[in-house]
């Protein structure tokens, strides 16, 4: 009756297997996180630059434009679309109002 259970070496081998399994899991987590981070970086790099100028349309598709905005205007509505500088100038010349917050008319040097 000298059976005192597993030997110290058996227990250490068991511990080693557990730690190797944990290490493999941690390495999978690291690999997955590196993949996610690379996707985030790619998304930031590939993100299209915002337009320089915006034209905000009215409430429906047939309404005339409401405002011309600078591309980074915080007050541009969801119905805004990007336009070129010459289109912004033309819209302002045709009577579309300049946004009172971002003042595209000042940036385009079209003040009265």
C-alpha atoms as a PDB file:
ATOM      1  CA  UNK A   1       0.000   0.000   0.000  1.00  0.00           C
ATOM      2  CA  UNK A   2       2.592   2.420  -1.042  1.00  0.00           C
ATOM      3  CA  UNK A   3       0.292   4.094  -3.612  1.00  0.00           C
ATOM      4  CA  UNK A   4       0.495   7.784  -2.751  1.00  0.00           C
ATOM      5  CA  UNK A   5      -1.071   9.062  -6.003  1.00  0.00           C
ATOM      6  CA  UNK A   6       0.560  10.625  -9.079  1.00  0.00           C
ATOM      7  CA  UNK A   7       4.239  11.349  -8.944  1.00  0.00           C
ATOM      8  CA  UNK A   8       5.600  14.838  -8.933  1.00  0.00           C
ATOM      9  CA  UNK A   9       6.879  14.296 -12.507  1.00  0.00           C
ATOM     10  CA  UNK A  10       3.404  13.220 -13.669  1.00  0.00           C
ATOM     11  CA  UNK A  11       1.882  16.350 -12.167  1.00  0.00           C
ATOM     12  CA  UNK A  12       4.510  18.551 -13.784  1.00  0.00           C
ATOM     13  CA  UNK A  13       3.855  16.953 -17.194  1.00  0.00           C
ATOM     14  CA  UNK A  14       0.133  17.600 -16.708  1.00  0.00           C
ATOM     15  CA  UNK A  15       0.844  21.234 -15.817  1.00  0.00           C
ATOM     16  CA  UNK A  16       3.006  21.555 -18.913  1.00  0.00           C
ATOM     17  CA  UNK A  17       0.154  20.287 -21.165  1.00  0.00           C
ATOM     18  CA  UNK A  18      -2.278  22.723 -19.591  1.00  0.00           C
ATOM     19  CA  UNK A  19       0.113  25.626 -20.026  1.00  0.00           C
ATOM     20  CA  UNK A  20       0.869  24.686 -23.652  1.00  0.00           C
ATOM     21  CA  UNK A  21      -2.865  24.583 -24.368  1.00  0.00           C
ATOM     22  CA  UNK A  22      -3.280  28.015 -22.757  1.00  0.00           C
ATOM     23  CA  UNK A  23      -0.311  29.362 -24.708  1.00  0.00           C
ATOM     24  CA  UNK A  24      -1.777  28.102 -27.997  1.00  0.00           C
ATOM     25  CA  UNK A  25      -5.106  29.737 -27.175  1.00  0.00           C
ATOM     26  CA  UNK A  26      -3.382  33.018 -26.303  1.00  0.00           C
ATOM     27  CA  UNK A  27      -1.426  32.896 -29.571  1.00  0.00           C
ATOM     28  CA  UNK A  28      -4.698  32.379 -31.506  1.00  0.00           C
ATOM     29  CA  UNK A  29      -6.167  35.399 -29.725  1.00  0.00           C
ATOM     30  CA  UNK A  30      -3.104  37.462 -30.630  1.00  0.00           C
ATOM     31  CA  UNK A  31      -3.309  36.374 -34.279  1.00  0.00           C
ATOM     32  CA  UNK A  32      -7.005  37.222 -34.431  1.00  0.00           C
ATOM     33  CA  UNK A  33      -6.452  40.630 -32.827  1.00  0.00           C
ATOM     34  CA  UNK A  34      -3.606  41.391 -35.257  1.00  0.00           C
ATOM     35  CA  UNK A  35      -5.949  40.530 -38.141  1.00  0.00           C
ATOM     36  CA  UNK A  36      -8.666  42.848 -36.753  1.00  0.00           C
ATOM     37  CA  UNK A  37      -6.159  45.655 -36.220  1.00  0.00           C
ATOM     38  CA  UNK A  38      -4.871  45.277 -39.796  1.00  0.00           C
ATOM     39  CA  UNK A  39      -8.467  45.495 -41.071  1.00  0.00           C
ATOM     40  CA  UNK A  40      -9.070  48.641 -39.010  1.00  0.00           C
ATOM     41  CA  UNK A  41      -5.903  50.252 -40.367  1.00  0.00           C
ATOM     42  CA  UNK A  42      -6.853  49.302 -43.936  1.00  0.00           C
ATOM     43  CA  UNK A  43     -10.304  50.797 -43.405  1.00  0.00           C
ATOM     44  CA  UNK A  44      -8.829  54.075 -42.182  1.00  0.00           C
ATOM     45  CA  UNK A  45      -6.339  54.230 -45.053  1.00  0.00           C
ATOM     46  CA  UNK A  46      -8.942  53.370 -47.694  1.00  0.00           C
ATOM     47  CA  UNK A  47     -11.602  55.721 -46.354  1.00  0.00           C
ATOM     48  CA  UNK A  48     -12.446  58.221 -49.025  1.00  0.00           C
ATOM     49  CA  UNK A  49     -11.528  61.804 -48.290  1.00  0.00           C
ATOM     50  CA  UNK A  50     -14.581  63.951 -47.567  1.00  0.00           C
ATOM     51  CA  UNK A  51     -15.640  66.256 -50.400  1.00  0.00           C
ATOM     52  CA  UNK A  52     -14.532  69.871 -50.226  1.00  0.00           C
ATOM     53  CA  UNK A  53     -18.066  71.173 -50.820  1.00  0.00           C
ATOM     54  CA  UNK A  54     -21.580  69.889 -50.177  1.00  0.00           C
ATOM     55  CA  UNK A  55     -24.964  70.695 -51.674  1.00  0.00           C
ATOM     56  CA  UNK A  56     -27.878  70.074 -49.322  1.00  0.00           C
ATOM     57  CA  UNK A  57     -31.112  69.145 -51.059  1.00  0.00           C
ATOM     58  CA  UNK A  58     -34.620  69.916 -49.862  1.00  0.00           C
ATOM     59  CA  UNK A  59     -37.009  67.485 -48.183  1.00  0.00           C
ATOM     60  CA  UNK A  60     -37.808  65.487 -51.311  1.00  0.00           C
ATOM     61  CA  UNK A  61     -35.893  64.650 -54.445  1.00  0.00           C
ATOM     62  CA  UNK A  62     -37.651  67.369 -56.443  1.00  0.00           C
ATOM     63  CA  UNK A  63     -36.993  70.234 -54.032  1.00  0.00           C
ATOM     64  CA  UNK A  64     -34.388  72.793 -54.975  1.00  0.00           C
ATOM     65  CA  UNK A  65     -31.098  72.864 -53.041  1.00  0.00           C
ATOM     66  CA  UNK A  66     -31.272  74.477 -49.610  1.00  0.00           C
ATOM     67  CA  UNK A  67     -27.646  75.210 -48.695  1.00  0.00           C
ATOM     68  CA  UNK A  68     -24.098  75.020 -49.912  1.00  0.00           C
ATOM     69  CA  UNK A  69     -21.732  73.771 -47.187  1.00  0.00           C
ATOM     70  CA  UNK A  70     -18.000  73.365 -46.750  1.00  0.00           C
ATOM     71  CA  UNK A  71     -17.161  69.657 -46.830  1.00  0.00           C
ATOM     72  CA  UNK A  72     -16.390  69.464 -43.117  1.00  0.00           C
ATOM     73  CA  UNK A  73     -19.446  71.414 -41.938  1.00  0.00           C
ATOM     74  CA  UNK A  74     -20.978  70.011 -38.774  1.00  0.00           C
ATOM     75  CA  UNK A  75     -24.399  71.280 -39.805  1.00  0.00           C
ATOM     76  CA  UNK A  76     -24.667  69.590 -43.212  1.00  0.00           C
ATOM     77  CA  UNK A  77     -27.825  67.513 -43.392  1.00  0.00           C
ATOM     78  CA  UNK A  78     -28.201  63.898 -44.428  1.00  0.00           C
ATOM     79  CA  UNK A  79     -29.496  65.002 -47.813  1.00  0.00           C
ATOM     80  CA  UNK A  80     -26.130  66.552 -48.708  1.00  0.00           C
ATOM     81  CA  UNK A  81     -23.958  65.311 -51.528  1.00  0.00           C
ATOM     82  CA  UNK A  82     -20.408  66.152 -52.491  1.00  0.00           C
ATOM     83  CA  UNK A  83     -19.862  68.650 -55.293  1.00  0.00           C
ATOM     84  CA  UNK A  84     -16.887  70.253 -57.006  1.00  0.00           C
ATOM     85  CA  UNK A  85     -15.747  73.794 -56.266  1.00  0.00           C
ATOM     86  CA  UNK A  86     -17.119  75.147 -59.538  1.00  0.00           C
ATOM     87  CA  UNK A  87     -20.516  73.585 -58.813  1.00  0.00           C
ATOM     88  CA  UNK A  88     -20.503  75.219 -55.367  1.00  0.00           C
ATOM     89  CA  UNK A  89     -19.689  78.590 -56.915  1.00  0.00           C
ATOM     90  CA  UNK A  90     -22.417  78.159 -59.510  1.00  0.00           C
ATOM     91  CA  UNK A  91     -25.000  77.180 -56.884  1.00  0.00           C
ATOM     92  CA  UNK A  92     -24.158  80.227 -54.770  1.00  0.00           C
ATOM     93  CA  UNK A  93     -24.311  82.462 -57.850  1.00  0.00           C
ATOM     94  CA  UNK A  94     -27.705  80.945 -58.718  1.00  0.00           C
ATOM     95  CA  UNK A  95     -29.095  81.936 -55.318  1.00  0.00           C
ATOM     96  CA  UNK A  96     -28.626  78.828 -53.169  1.00  0.00           C
ATOM     97  CA  UNK A  97     -27.974  80.033 -49.625  1.00  0.00           C
ATOM     98  CA  UNK A  98     -24.563  79.644 -48.030  1.00  0.00           C
ATOM     99  CA  UNK A  99     -24.600  77.776 -44.737  1.00  0.00           C
ATOM    100  CA  UNK A 100     -24.474  80.384 -41.967  1.00  0.00           C
ATOM    101  CA  UNK A 101     -22.224  78.134 -39.862  1.00  0.00           C
ATOM    102  CA  UNK A 102     -19.404  77.121 -42.207  1.00  0.00           C
ATOM    103  CA  UNK A 103     -19.679  80.129 -44.567  1.00  0.00           C
ATOM    104  CA  UNK A 104     -18.643  78.555 -47.890  1.00  0.00           C
ATOM    105  CA  UNK A 105     -19.194  81.909 -49.579  1.00  0.00           C
ATOM    106  CA  UNK A 106     -16.299  83.327 -47.551  1.00  0.00           C
ATOM    107  CA  UNK A 107     -14.050  80.378 -48.355  1.00  0.00           C
ATOM    108  CA  UNK A 108     -14.908  80.710 -52.052  1.00  0.00           C
ATOM    109  CA  UNK A 109     -14.401  84.499 -51.945  1.00  0.00           C
ATOM    110  CA  UNK A 110     -17.956  85.129 -53.129  1.00  0.00           C
ATOM    111  CA  UNK A 111     -19.177  87.628 -50.547  1.00  0.00           C
ATOM    112  CA  UNK A 112     -21.435  90.436 -51.741  1.00  0.00           C
END
